[in-house]
Amino acid sequence: MSIINIQEKFKLFSDFWSPKKVGELNGQQILLAKLKGEFVFHKHDDEDELFMVIKGSLDIELRDKTITLNEGEFYIVPKGTEHKPIAKEEVHIVLFEPLGIKHTGDVIAAITVETYDTI
């Protein structure tokens, strides 16, 4: 294992909504993603999902409220909770998720990624 510089890793890709794996620990994966625009409403029946904002501001729309995350903040979406991330401007995030999680959970969409590239 070596030191991972998150800012350097973000410079290696430009695509939105396509997380890149930068590490694994204890059955979890650490992903970096750039977001812009709206994702799709989806849920993960068996997995919690942590969103940590590194750059920008991210809205996570739930069915009953909207969570707004700013730089340096994180939110854990509980398993089974429908959510839709929305990035009005480009946002950089770190995600902590179980290794077997599906990108768009219970929804298949044009934006769905089957496997994450490792950078």
C-alpha atoms as a PDB file:
ATOM      1  CA  MET A   1       0.000   0.000   0.000  1.00  0.00           C
ATOM      2  CA  SER A   2       1.197   3.486  -0.751  1.00  0.00           C
ATOM      3  CA  ILE A   3       0.065   7.002   0.084  1.00  0.00           C
ATOM      4  CA  ILE A   4      -2.956   8.092  -1.965  1.00  0.00           C
ATOM      5  CA  ASN A   5      -3.187  11.782  -2.839  1.00  0.00           C
ATOM      6  CA  ILE A   6      -6.872  12.423  -3.490  1.00  0.00           C
ATOM      7  CA  GLN A   7      -6.306  15.684  -5.392  1.00  0.00           C
ATOM      8  CA  GLU A   8      -3.800  13.992  -7.726  1.00  0.00           C
ATOM      9  CA  LYS A   9      -6.232  11.133  -8.356  1.00  0.00           C
ATOM     10  CA  PHE A  10      -9.019  13.582  -9.271  1.00  0.00           C
ATOM     11  CA  LYS A  11      -6.722  15.001 -11.985  1.00  0.00           C
ATOM     12  CA  LEU A  12      -6.616  11.575 -13.690  1.00  0.00           C
ATOM     13  CA  PHE A  13     -10.231  11.581 -14.918  1.00  0.00           C
ATOM     14  CA  SER A  14     -12.888  13.976 -16.164  1.00  0.00           C
ATOM     15  CA  ASP A  15     -16.042  11.887 -16.651  1.00  0.00           C
ATOM     16  CA  PHE A  16     -19.052  12.485 -14.429  1.00  0.00           C
ATOM     17  CA  TRP A  17     -21.041   9.879 -12.482  1.00  0.00           C
ATOM     18  CA  SER A  18     -18.422   7.165 -13.065  1.00  0.00           C
ATOM     19  CA  PRO A  19     -16.693   6.402  -9.732  1.00  0.00           C
ATOM     20  CA  LYS A  20     -13.034   5.332  -9.724  1.00  0.00           C
ATOM     21  CA  LYS A  21     -11.703   2.915  -7.130  1.00  0.00           C
ATOM     22  CA  VAL A  22      -8.659   4.120  -5.191  1.00  0.00           C
ATOM     23  CA  GLY A  23      -8.578   1.582  -2.376  1.00  0.00           C
ATOM     24  CA  GLU A  24     -10.185  -1.270  -0.455  1.00  0.00           C
ATOM     25  CA  LEU A  25     -10.377  -2.135   3.211  1.00  0.00           C
ATOM     26  CA  ASN A  26     -12.383  -4.633   5.238  1.00  0.00           C
ATOM     27  CA  GLY A  27     -14.805  -5.452   2.432  1.00  0.00           C
ATOM     28  CA  GLN A  28     -15.303  -1.777   1.574  1.00  0.00           C
ATOM     29  CA  GLN A  29     -14.147   0.199  -1.433  1.00  0.00           C
ATOM     30  CA  ILE A  30     -13.054   3.815  -1.498  1.00  0.00           C
ATOM     31  CA  LEU A  31     -14.255   5.559  -4.632  1.00  0.00           C
ATOM     32  CA  LEU A  32     -13.686   9.014  -6.086  1.00  0.00           C
ATOM     33  CA  ALA A  33     -16.264  10.570  -8.373  1.00  0.00           C
ATOM     34  CA  LYS A  34     -16.944  13.805 -10.185  1.00  0.00           C
ATOM     35  CA  LEU A  35     -20.600  14.751 -10.364  1.00  0.00           C
ATOM     36  CA  LYS A  36     -22.530  17.310 -12.383  1.00  0.00           C
ATOM     37  CA  GLY A  37     -26.264  17.373 -13.057  1.00  0.00           C
ATOM     38  CA  GLU A  38     -28.789  14.888 -11.692  1.00  0.00           C
ATOM     39  CA  PHE A  39     -28.436  11.193 -11.024  1.00  0.00           C
ATOM     40  CA  VAL A  40     -31.440   8.836 -10.799  1.00  0.00           C
ATOM     41  CA  PHE A  41     -33.560   7.984  -7.771  1.00  0.00           C
ATOM     42  CA  HIS A  42     -32.358   4.597  -6.526  1.00  0.00           C
ATOM     43  CA  LYS A  43     -31.732   2.615  -3.363  1.00  0.00           C
ATOM     44  CA  HIS A  44     -29.430  -0.074  -2.063  1.00  0.00           C
ATOM     45  CA  ASP A  45     -31.483  -2.622  -0.141  1.00  0.00           C
ATOM     46  CA  ASP A  46     -28.573  -4.116   1.800  1.00  0.00           C
ATOM     47  CA  GLU A  47     -25.886  -1.417   1.927  1.00  0.00           C
ATOM     48  CA  ASP A  48     -25.368   1.986   3.545  1.00  0.00           C
ATOM     49  CA  GLU A  49     -23.573   4.525   1.351  1.00  0.00           C
ATOM     50  CA  LEU A  50     -21.298   7.336   2.550  1.00  0.00           C
ATOM     51  CA  PHE A  51     -20.969  10.525   0.464  1.00  0.00           C
ATOM     52  CA  MET A  52     -18.118  12.908   1.459  1.00  0.00           C
ATOM     53  CA  VAL A  53     -17.766  16.201  -0.415  1.00  0.00           C
ATOM     54  CA  ILE A  54     -14.209  17.235  -1.238  1.00  0.00           C
ATOM     55  CA  LYS A  55     -15.039  20.102  -3.626  1.00  0.00           C
ATOM     56  CA  GLY A  56     -18.312  21.925  -4.270  1.00  0.00           C
ATOM     57  CA  SER A  57     -21.798  21.412  -2.877  1.00  0.00           C
ATOM     58  CA  LEU A  58     -23.979  18.318  -3.295  1.00  0.00           C
ATOM     59  CA  ASP A  59     -27.702  17.912  -2.762  1.00  0.00           C
ATOM     60  CA  ILE A  60     -28.962  14.443  -1.924  1.00  0.00           C
ATOM     61  CA  GLU A  61     -32.680  14.360  -2.560  1.00  0.00           C
ATOM     62  CA  LEU A  62     -34.612  11.916  -0.413  1.00  0.00           C
ATOM     63  CA  ARG A  63     -38.346  11.271  -0.766  1.00  0.00           C
ATOM     64  CA  ASP A  64     -39.142  13.490   2.241  1.00  0.00           C
ATOM     65  CA  LYS A  65     -36.294  16.039   2.334  1.00  0.00           C
ATOM     66  CA  THR A  66     -33.101  17.238   0.686  1.00  0.00           C
ATOM     67  CA  ILE A  67     -29.699  17.018   2.376  1.00  0.00           C
ATOM     68  CA  THR A  68     -27.132  19.634   1.299  1.00  0.00           C
ATOM     69  CA  LEU A  69     -23.469  18.767   1.784  1.00  0.00           C
ATOM     70  CA  ASN A  70     -20.655  21.296   1.518  1.00  0.00           C
ATOM     71  CA  GLU A  71     -16.898  20.796   1.342  1.00  0.00           C
ATOM     72  CA  GLY A  72     -15.613  18.712   4.228  1.00  0.00           C
ATOM     73  CA  GLU A  73     -19.023  17.270   5.108  1.00  0.00           C
ATOM     74  CA  PHE A  74     -20.389  13.757   4.700  1.00  0.00           C
ATOM     75  CA  TYR A  75     -23.721  11.992   4.965  1.00  0.00           C
ATOM     76  CA  ILE A  76     -24.540   8.312   5.239  1.00  0.00           C
ATOM     77  CA  VAL A  77     -27.571   7.219   3.231  1.00  0.00           C
ATOM     78  CA  PRO A  78     -29.070   4.305   5.182  1.00  0.00           C
ATOM     79  CA  LYS A  79     -29.699   1.055   3.322  1.00  0.00           C
ATOM     80  CA  GLY A  80     -33.110   0.880   1.703  1.00  0.00           C
ATOM     81  CA  THR A  81     -33.426   4.680   1.441  1.00  0.00           C
ATOM     82  CA  GLU A  82     -34.287   6.072  -1.989  1.00  0.00           C
ATOM     83  CA  HIS A  83     -31.952   8.918  -2.898  1.00  0.00           C
ATOM     84  CA  LYS A  84     -30.913  11.039  -5.867  1.00  0.00           C
ATOM     85  CA  PRO A  85     -27.661  13.031  -5.841  1.00  0.00           C
ATOM     86  CA  ILE A  86     -27.831  16.413  -7.581  1.00  0.00           C
ATOM     87  CA  ALA A  87     -24.803  18.562  -8.407  1.00  0.00           C
ATOM     88  CA  LYS A  88     -25.684  22.012  -9.769  1.00  0.00           C
ATOM     89  CA  GLU A  89     -21.986  22.655 -10.452  1.00  0.00           C
ATOM     90  CA  GLU A  90     -19.084  20.196 -10.635  1.00  0.00           C
ATOM     91  CA  VAL A  91     -18.629  18.353  -7.334  1.00  0.00           C
ATOM     92  CA  HIS A  92     -15.832  16.010  -6.241  1.00  0.00           C
ATOM     93  CA  ILE A  93     -16.753  13.315  -3.731  1.00  0.00           C
ATOM     94  CA  VAL A  94     -15.363  10.320  -1.900  1.00  0.00           C
ATOM     95  CA  LEU A  95     -17.679   7.327  -1.516  1.00  0.00           C
ATOM     96  CA  PHE A  96     -17.290   4.473   0.967  1.00  0.00           C
ATOM     97  CA  GLU A  97     -19.301   1.450  -0.120  1.00  0.00           C
ATOM     98  CA  PRO A  98     -19.274  -2.335   0.228  1.00  0.00           C
ATOM     99  CA  LEU A  99     -17.409  -4.114  -2.567  1.00  0.00           C
ATOM    100  CA  GLY A 100     -20.517  -5.759  -4.040  1.00  0.00           C
ATOM    101  CA  ILE A 101     -22.719  -2.661  -4.202  1.00  0.00           C
ATOM    102  CA  LYS A 102     -24.449  -1.900  -7.514  1.00  0.00           C
ATOM    103  CA  HIS A 103     -23.793   1.579  -8.898  1.00  0.00           C
ATOM    104  CA  THR A 104     -27.457   2.521  -9.358  1.00  0.00           C
ATOM    105  CA  GLY A 105     -28.801   0.034  -6.833  1.00  0.00           C
ATOM    106  CA  ASP A 106     -32.191  -1.335  -7.826  1.00  0.00           C
ATOM    107  CA  VAL A 107     -32.371   0.781 -11.027  1.00  0.00           C
ATOM    108  CA  ILE A 108     -30.756   0.140 -14.405  1.00  0.00           C
ATOM    109  CA  ALA A 109     -30.187   3.387 -16.317  1.00  0.00           C
ATOM    110  CA  ALA A 110     -28.034   4.679 -19.163  1.00  0.00           C
ATOM    111  CA  ILE A 111     -25.715   6.090 -16.501  1.00  0.00           C
ATOM    112  CA  THR A 112     -25.202   2.720 -14.743  1.00  0.00           C
ATOM    113  CA  VAL A 113     -21.588   1.525 -14.436  1.00  0.00           C
ATOM    114  CA  GLU A 114     -21.134  -2.261 -14.058  1.00  0.00           C
ATOM    115  CA  THR A 115     -17.524  -2.231 -12.802  1.00  0.00           C
ATOM    116  CA  TYR A 116     -15.395   0.583 -11.407  1.00  0.00           C
ATOM    117  CA  ASP A 117     -12.031   1.411 -12.954  1.00  0.00           C
ATOM    118  CA  THR A 118      -9.125   1.444 -10.515  1.00  0.00           C
ATOM    119  CA  ILE A 119      -6.840   4.473 -10.664  1.00  0.00           C
END
